[in-house]
Amino acid sequence: MPKNLSAKRNKEDGRKVTLSWDKADHAFGYNIKYGVDPGELYQTYQVYHETSLTINSLRSDLEYFFTIEAFNENGRTDSDLIVSAQ
């Protein structure tokens, strides 16, 4: 499972957030799930071979929550880690 997920909202443009995390051993890629409710993370980005992602399409007046899963040919990890970006 990836560790040290962080979310940093851009102070000049609240529509942007940059996520970063530590590389997980044997991971091919990562699923970044997010939404405005920590129990309803229905939006997803899929990232291959990277340990950061910038999302440019958020609403600046809402708080967002993020979680991450790693995947490879054997399946994916589950994560109960949720971070927020205000």
C-alpha atoms as a PDB file:
ATOM      1  CA  MET A   1       0.000   0.000   0.000  1.00  0.00           C
ATOM      2  CA  PRO A   2       1.315   3.492  -0.792  1.00  0.00           C
ATOM      3  CA  LYS A   3       2.314   5.598   2.202  1.00  0.00           C
ATOM      4  CA  ASN A   4       2.573   9.291   3.006  1.00  0.00           C
ATOM      5  CA  LEU A   5      -0.217  10.535   0.745  1.00  0.00           C
ATOM      6  CA  SER A   6      -0.351  14.327   0.882  1.00  0.00           C
ATOM      7  CA  ALA A   7      -2.675  16.836  -0.784  1.00  0.00           C
ATOM      8  CA  LYS A   8      -1.588  20.449  -1.266  1.00  0.00           C
ATOM      9  CA  ARG A   9      -4.129  22.917  -2.586  1.00  0.00           C
ATOM     10  CA  ASN A  10      -2.793  25.714  -4.773  1.00  0.00           C
ATOM     11  CA  LYS A  11      -3.198  28.984  -2.831  1.00  0.00           C
ATOM     12  CA  GLU A  12      -3.457  31.163  -5.956  1.00  0.00           C
ATOM     13  CA  ASP A  13      -5.899  28.867  -7.779  1.00  0.00           C
ATOM     14  CA  GLY A  14      -8.141  26.762  -5.544  1.00  0.00           C
ATOM     15  CA  ARG A  15      -9.178  24.570  -8.483  1.00  0.00           C
ATOM     16  CA  LYS A  16      -5.755  22.893  -8.394  1.00  0.00           C
ATOM     17  CA  VAL A  17      -4.396  20.313  -5.966  1.00  0.00           C
ATOM     18  CA  THR A  18      -1.136  18.375  -6.117  1.00  0.00           C
ATOM     19  CA  LEU A  19      -1.050  14.908  -4.588  1.00  0.00           C
ATOM     20  CA  SER A  20       2.130  13.026  -3.785  1.00  0.00           C
ATOM     21  CA  TRP A  21       2.933   9.689  -2.162  1.00  0.00           C
ATOM     22  CA  ASP A  22       5.733   7.203  -1.611  1.00  0.00           C
ATOM     23  CA  LYS A  23       6.277   4.492  -4.218  1.00  0.00           C
ATOM     24  CA  ALA A  24       4.771   1.141  -3.277  1.00  0.00           C
ATOM     25  CA  ASP A  25       6.902  -1.950  -3.874  1.00  0.00           C
ATOM     26  CA  HIS A  26       5.875  -3.913  -6.996  1.00  0.00           C
ATOM     27  CA  ALA A  27       3.152  -1.416  -8.004  1.00  0.00           C
ATOM     28  CA  PHE A  28       2.446  -0.856 -11.711  1.00  0.00           C
ATOM     29  CA  GLY A  29       0.218   2.106 -10.959  1.00  0.00           C
ATOM     30  CA  TYR A  30      -2.175   3.810  -8.595  1.00  0.00           C
ATOM     31  CA  ASN A  31      -5.877   4.636  -8.410  1.00  0.00           C
ATOM     32  CA  ILE A  32      -6.526   8.034  -6.852  1.00  0.00           C
ATOM     33  CA  LYS A  33     -10.107   8.277  -5.615  1.00  0.00           C
ATOM     34  CA  TYR A  34     -11.601  11.565  -4.494  1.00  0.00           C
ATOM     35  CA  GLY A  35     -14.788  13.453  -3.708  1.00  0.00           C
ATOM     36  CA  VAL A  36     -16.343  16.057  -1.422  1.00  0.00           C
ATOM     37  CA  ASP A  37     -17.465  13.493   1.181  1.00  0.00           C
ATOM     38  CA  PRO A  38     -14.939  11.070   2.734  1.00  0.00           C
ATOM     39  CA  GLY A  39     -17.483   8.260   2.466  1.00  0.00           C
ATOM     40  CA  GLU A  40     -18.243   8.910  -1.200  1.00  0.00           C
ATOM     41  CA  LEU A  41     -14.991   9.003  -3.169  1.00  0.00           C
ATOM     42  CA  TYR A  42     -16.477   8.332  -6.603  1.00  0.00           C
ATOM     43  CA  GLN A  43     -14.095  10.268  -8.880  1.00  0.00           C
ATOM     44  CA  THR A  44     -10.938   8.427  -9.989  1.00  0.00           C
ATOM     45  CA  TYR A  45      -7.621   9.104 -11.683  1.00  0.00           C
ATOM     46  CA  GLN A  46      -5.366   6.248 -12.722  1.00  0.00           C
ATOM     47  CA  VAL A  47      -1.617   6.935 -12.695  1.00  0.00           C
ATOM     48  CA  TYR A  48       1.179   4.686 -14.007  1.00  0.00           C
ATOM     49  CA  HIS A  49       4.811   4.794 -12.818  1.00  0.00           C
ATOM     50  CA  GLU A  50       4.460   8.208 -11.113  1.00  0.00           C
ATOM     51  CA  THR A  51       4.266   9.271  -7.470  1.00  0.00           C
ATOM     52  CA  SER A  52       2.466  12.571  -7.934  1.00  0.00           C
ATOM     53  CA  LEU A  53      -0.586  13.964  -9.673  1.00  0.00           C
ATOM     54  CA  THR A  54      -1.956  17.473 -10.177  1.00  0.00           C
ATOM     55  CA  ILE A  55      -5.710  17.805 -10.594  1.00  0.00           C
ATOM     56  CA  ASN A  56      -6.823  21.115 -12.157  1.00  0.00           C
ATOM     57  CA  SER A  57     -10.602  20.734 -12.131  1.00  0.00           C
ATOM     58  CA  LEU A  58     -11.806  21.081  -8.532  1.00  0.00           C
ATOM     59  CA  ARG A  59     -14.359  23.558  -7.269  1.00  0.00           C
ATOM     60  CA  SER A  60     -12.474  26.166  -5.286  1.00  0.00           C
ATOM     61  CA  ASP A  61     -15.231  26.580  -2.675  1.00  0.00           C
ATOM     62  CA  LEU A  62     -15.349  22.898  -1.581  1.00  0.00           C
ATOM     63  CA  GLU A  63     -13.166  20.703   0.594  1.00  0.00           C
ATOM     64  CA  TYR A  64     -12.034  17.499  -1.155  1.00  0.00           C
ATOM     65  CA  PHE A  65     -10.956  14.134   0.233  1.00  0.00           C
ATOM     66  CA  PHE A  66      -8.498  11.705  -1.388  1.00  0.00           C
ATOM     67  CA  THR A  67      -7.376   8.095  -1.011  1.00  0.00           C
ATOM     68  CA  ILE A  68      -4.987   5.930  -3.004  1.00  0.00           C
ATOM     69  CA  GLU A  69      -4.727   2.270  -4.045  1.00  0.00           C
ATOM     70  CA  ALA A  70      -1.734   0.545  -5.643  1.00  0.00           C
ATOM     71  CA  PHE A  71      -2.211  -2.144  -8.295  1.00  0.00           C
ATOM     72  CA  ASN A  72      -0.223  -4.693 -10.261  1.00  0.00           C
ATOM     73  CA  GLU A  73      -0.885  -7.998 -12.067  1.00  0.00           C
ATOM     74  CA  ASN A  74      -2.005  -9.595  -8.779  1.00  0.00           C
ATOM     75  CA  GLY A  75      -4.733  -7.064  -7.954  1.00  0.00           C
ATOM     76  CA  ARG A  76      -5.002  -3.908  -5.904  1.00  0.00           C
ATOM     77  CA  THR A  77      -4.526  -2.813  -2.324  1.00  0.00           C
ATOM     78  CA  ASP A  78      -7.337  -1.425  -0.214  1.00  0.00           C
ATOM     79  CA  SER A  79      -6.678   1.785   1.648  1.00  0.00           C
ATOM     80  CA  ASP A  80      -8.377   3.316   4.644  1.00  0.00           C
ATOM     81  CA  LEU A  81      -6.095   6.376   4.496  1.00  0.00           C
ATOM     82  CA  ILE A  82      -8.042   9.521   3.589  1.00  0.00           C
ATOM     83  CA  VAL A  83      -6.490  12.978   3.372  1.00  0.00           C
ATOM     84  CA  SER A  84      -8.222  16.285   2.755  1.00  0.00           C
ATOM     85  CA  ALA A  85      -7.434  19.455   0.811  1.00  0.00           C
ATOM     86  CA  GLN A  86      -9.272  22.609   1.823  1.00  0.00           C
END
